Protein backbone atom coordinates (compact mmCIF):
# COMPACT_ATOMS: atom_id res chain seq x y z
CA MET A 1 36.73 18.48 27.55
CA ASN A 2 39.30 21.06 29.26
CA ASP A 3 38.56 23.14 25.48
CA TYR A 4 34.17 23.22 25.84
CA SER A 5 33.43 26.22 27.96
CA PHE A 6 31.65 25.74 30.98
CA PRO A 7 27.62 25.45 28.95
CA HIS A 8 29.29 22.95 26.09
CA ILE A 9 30.47 20.79 29.51
CA LEU A 10 26.62 21.71 31.39
CA ASN A 11 24.80 20.96 28.61
CA ILE A 12 26.90 17.21 27.77
CA VAL A 13 25.84 16.94 31.90
CA ILE A 14 22.25 16.96 31.37
CA HIS A 15 22.11 15.05 28.23
CA VAL A 16 24.51 11.89 29.87
CA ILE A 17 22.12 12.56 33.12
CA GLY A 18 19.03 12.24 31.46
CA GLY A 19 19.91 9.57 28.84
CA SER A 20 21.25 7.64 31.79
CA ILE A 21 17.98 7.64 34.18
CA GLY A 22 15.93 7.89 30.95
CA LEU A 23 17.25 4.24 30.25
CA LEU A 24 16.77 2.98 33.09
CA LEU A 25 13.11 4.44 33.15
CA GLY A 26 13.31 2.22 29.78
CA ILE A 27 13.90 -0.18 30.93
CA THR A 28 11.20 -0.76 34.09
CA ALA A 29 8.71 -0.09 31.47
CA LEU A 30 10.05 -3.22 30.25
CA ILE A 31 9.90 -5.93 32.95
CA THR A 32 7.18 -4.68 34.70
CA LYS A 33 3.20 -5.30 33.72
CA LYS A 34 2.01 -3.38 30.43
CA GLY A 35 -0.54 -1.21 31.23
CA GLY A 36 -0.25 -1.65 34.86
CA LYS A 37 0.20 1.60 37.40
CA TRP A 38 5.06 1.62 36.93
CA HIS A 39 4.28 0.58 33.51
CA ARG A 40 2.40 3.76 32.95
CA ARG A 41 4.17 5.81 35.32
CA SER A 42 8.04 5.16 34.01
CA GLY A 43 6.50 5.33 30.91
CA ALA A 44 5.44 8.85 30.95
CA ILE A 45 8.35 9.87 33.09
CA PHE A 46 10.42 7.90 30.14
CA LEU A 47 9.21 10.29 27.65
CA LEU A 48 10.26 13.44 29.41
CA PHE A 49 13.74 12.79 29.72
CA LEU A 50 13.60 11.66 26.61
CA ILE A 51 12.70 15.19 25.52
CA ILE A 52 15.46 16.97 28.14
CA VAL A 53 18.31 14.23 26.58
CA ILE A 54 16.30 15.51 22.40
CA LEU A 55 16.94 19.00 23.44
CA THR A 56 20.35 18.64 24.28
CA GLY A 57 21.37 16.75 21.62
CA LEU A 58 20.44 19.75 19.01
CA ILE A 59 21.87 22.26 21.49
CA GLY A 60 24.74 19.94 20.82
CA VAL A 61 24.31 19.83 17.55
CA PHE A 62 23.39 23.25 16.49
CA VAL A 63 24.68 26.33 19.03
CA PHE A 64 28.24 23.87 19.88
CA LYS A 65 28.48 22.61 16.94
CA ARG A 66 29.82 18.97 18.47
CA ASN A 67 29.19 15.47 16.50
CA THR A 68 26.52 16.00 13.76
CA PHE A 69 25.29 12.55 14.03
CA LEU A 70 23.62 12.87 17.79
CA LEU A 71 21.66 15.11 15.18
CA ILE A 72 19.58 11.63 12.92
CA ILE A 73 19.97 9.67 16.73
CA THR A 74 18.62 12.04 18.28
CA VAL A 75 15.79 12.93 15.26
CA LEU A 76 15.68 8.47 15.57
CA SER A 77 14.60 8.53 19.16
CA GLY A 78 12.40 11.50 19.24
CA TYR A 79 10.77 10.80 16.50
CA TYR A 80 9.95 6.90 17.46
CA GLY A 81 8.40 8.50 21.18
CA PHE A 82 6.68 11.14 19.67
CA SER A 83 4.18 9.39 17.25
CA GLY A 84 4.53 6.38 20.12
CA TYR A 85 2.96 8.34 22.69
CA GLN A 86 0.25 10.02 20.27
CA ILE A 87 -0.98 6.21 19.47
CA LEU A 88 -1.95 5.36 22.63
CA LYS A 89 -3.55 8.65 23.32
CA THR A 90 -5.68 8.27 20.03
CA LYS A 91 -5.36 4.82 19.40
CA LYS A 92 -6.89 5.69 15.17
CA ASN A 93 -4.69 6.73 12.08
CA LYS A 94 -7.13 10.04 10.80
CA PRO A 95 -4.57 12.40 9.77
CA ARG A 96 -3.52 15.01 12.34
CA LEU A 97 -1.90 18.21 11.77
CA ILE A 98 0.74 17.85 14.86
CA ASP A 99 1.63 14.07 13.67
CA ILE A 100 2.38 15.50 9.25
CA SER A 101 4.37 18.49 10.68
CA VAL A 102 6.64 16.42 13.22
CA ALA A 103 7.05 13.75 10.17
CA ILE A 104 8.15 16.26 8.43
CA VAL A 105 9.85 17.99 10.66
CA SER A 106 12.32 14.94 10.97
CA LEU A 107 12.99 14.40 6.90
CA ILE A 108 13.58 17.76 7.12
CA SER A 109 16.27 16.58 8.86
CA VAL A 110 17.19 13.69 7.94
CA SER A 111 17.69 15.48 4.19
CA TYR A 112 19.74 17.72 5.85
CA PHE A 113 21.76 16.04 7.97
CA LEU A 114 22.00 13.36 4.29
CA TYR A 115 23.86 17.27 2.74
CA TYR A 116 26.18 17.49 4.98
CA PHE A 117 27.48 14.34 5.32
CA LYS A 118 28.28 14.23 1.37
CA SER A 119 29.98 17.90 1.39
CA ILE A 120 32.15 16.67 4.32
CA GLY A 121 33.18 13.25 3.57
CA MET A 122 31.76 10.31 5.40
CA TYR A 123 34.01 9.81 8.83
CA TRP A 124 31.59 7.55 11.07
CA SER A 125 30.35 3.49 9.66
CA PRO A 126 28.43 3.74 7.16
CA ILE A 127 26.45 0.31 8.84
CA ILE A 128 25.60 3.33 11.59
CA VAL A 129 24.68 6.07 9.20
CA TYR A 130 22.97 4.20 6.72
CA SER A 131 20.17 2.12 9.13
CA THR A 132 19.87 4.60 11.27
CA VAL A 133 18.95 7.00 8.35
CA GLY A 134 17.58 4.20 6.62
CA ALA A 135 15.31 3.47 10.13
CA LEU A 136 14.19 7.16 10.15
CA LEU A 137 12.51 6.84 7.09
CA ALA A 138 10.72 3.43 6.86
CA VAL A 139 8.66 4.42 9.85
CA ILE A 140 7.74 8.29 8.57
CA THR A 141 6.78 6.23 5.62
CA TYR A 142 4.95 3.70 7.16
CA ASP A 143 3.08 6.83 9.55
CA PHE A 144 2.21 7.46 5.86
CA ILE A 145 0.89 4.45 3.93
CA ARG A 146 -0.74 3.47 7.80
CA TYR A 147 -3.16 6.26 6.95
CA LEU A 148 -4.65 4.21 4.17
CA ILE A 149 -5.00 1.07 7.15
CA PRO A 150 -9.22 0.88 7.12
CA LYS A 151 -10.52 2.12 10.38
CA LYS A 152 -11.97 -1.18 11.54
CA ALA A 153 -9.12 -3.16 10.47
CA TYR A 154 -5.85 -0.94 12.80
CA GLN A 155 -8.47 -1.01 15.41
CA ASN A 156 -6.12 -4.40 16.03
CA ILE A 157 -3.24 -3.10 15.37
CA TRP A 158 -2.65 -0.19 16.91
CA LEU A 159 -0.55 -2.04 19.96
CA TYR A 160 1.98 -3.16 17.44
CA GLU A 161 2.74 -0.16 16.72
CA HIS A 162 3.02 1.34 19.82
CA ILE A 163 5.36 -1.55 21.41
CA PHE A 164 7.13 -1.25 17.95
CA LYS A 165 7.78 2.76 18.66
CA MET A 166 8.73 2.67 21.99
CA ILE A 167 10.53 0.20 22.38
CA GLY A 168 12.53 1.71 19.21
CA ALA A 169 13.20 4.69 21.67
CA PHE A 170 14.72 2.99 23.98
CA THR A 171 17.41 1.35 21.94
CA ALA A 172 18.22 4.44 19.94
CA LEU A 173 18.90 5.40 23.90
CA LEU A 174 20.61 2.64 24.58
CA SER A 175 22.64 2.77 21.57
CA ALA A 176 23.59 6.00 21.50
CA PHE A 177 24.81 5.40 25.14
CA THR A 178 26.86 2.39 24.44
CA GLY A 179 28.24 3.86 21.15
CA THR A 180 29.58 6.81 23.37
CA VAL A 181 30.66 5.13 26.40
CA PHE A 182 32.23 2.68 24.56
CA ASN A 183 33.82 4.24 21.15
CA ASN A 184 36.49 2.09 20.50
CA TYR A 185 34.18 -0.49 19.92
CA GLN A 186 32.30 1.25 16.98
CA PRO A 187 30.23 0.30 15.10
CA TYR A 188 29.69 -2.63 17.01
CA SER A 189 28.46 -0.92 20.53
CA GLN A 190 26.24 1.44 18.21
CA PHE A 191 24.81 -1.54 15.65
CA LEU A 192 24.29 -4.40 18.54
CA PRO A 193 22.42 -2.91 20.67
CA SER A 194 19.91 -2.18 17.46
CA VAL A 195 19.67 -5.70 16.64
CA PHE A 196 18.75 -6.61 20.80
CA GLY A 197 16.21 -3.64 19.92
CA THR A 198 14.70 -5.45 17.02
CA LEU A 199 14.77 -8.91 18.47
CA LEU A 200 12.88 -6.71 21.33
CA GLN A 201 10.67 -5.33 19.43
CA ILE A 202 9.63 -8.91 17.37
CA GLY A 203 9.38 -10.40 20.86
CA PHE A 204 6.88 -8.53 22.33
CA ILE A 205 5.31 -8.09 19.59
CA ILE A 206 4.83 -12.17 19.07
CA PHE A 207 4.13 -12.76 22.54
CA TYR A 208 1.22 -9.95 22.32
CA PHE A 209 0.03 -11.02 18.89
CA ARG A 210 -0.58 -14.52 20.78
CA LYS A 211 -1.51 -13.40 24.47
CA LEU A 212 -5.09 -11.27 22.30
CA ARG A 213 -5.61 -14.21 19.81
CA LYS A 214 -6.05 -16.75 22.83
CA LYS A 215 -8.16 -13.64 24.48
CA ASN A 216 -10.20 -13.48 21.15
CA LEU A 217 -10.48 -17.18 20.84
CA GLU A 218 -11.83 -18.26 24.85
CA GLU A 219 -14.02 -14.98 24.10
CA ASP A 220 -15.86 -16.42 20.89
CA GLY A 221 -15.45 -20.10 22.94
CA THR A 222 -17.93 -18.65 25.01
CA LYS A 223 -20.23 -16.81 23.44
CA GLN A 224 -20.78 -19.02 21.47
CA MET A 225 -21.65 -21.22 24.71
CA LEU A 226 -23.88 -18.80 25.23
CA THR A 227 -25.93 -18.66 21.92
CA LYS A 228 -26.53 -22.63 22.18
CA SER A 229 -27.53 -22.29 25.61
CA ILE A 230 -30.10 -19.65 24.25
CA PHE A 231 -31.16 -21.73 21.63
CA HIS A 232 -32.27 -24.88 24.18
CA GLN A 233 -33.63 -23.33 26.44
CA GLN A 234 -35.53 -21.69 23.71
CA ILE A 235 -36.60 -25.18 22.29
CA ASP A 236 -37.33 -26.81 26.14
CA THR A 237 -39.66 -23.89 26.46
């Protein structure tokens, strides 16, 4: 980094430190009790450090003209984090201007990225480029389609969407970290963390689906027992 300016080096240092702390906070959020004190706090602070990573990543791309692939991985992690937080905050699929605006800006960023790649020739692994762009396009497409889901039905979906997106933000951050640190092992150093994240998403969603289903069945059973009890009391009287 001898040819880098001091502001550029400082930006890289902040980016790396912010990303490293963000990963530790993401792991804390994953292993602590969901909805508990440590989960909420680590998740909130994770989003703050994610913002730092996004800002320094964008500065690295647009100001210092380095590693344009950071643009798409930054947009992916940022969009996952933003949308995942919004879902937890609102728990609704009602269209909001800020959600639509961020989605459109993200689409414009993807378009710029693809145009840039076409103009200079693709020199990163196609599997990384296509999977990253595809993941972002898929989640943005879903975010527009979800407005068509009936509100009552969406009440049973928002939790899984939150899980999927927040783990996605963590995975994007992890993929960027391993891809940079273990650059000689590309594309596996970036692709394998994405596979790991996908398995985490599936595992957590199945776990909470079964947990909530069991809870609902128990509540239904309790209601039926109460109904029968009231019915028999009425007959006895």
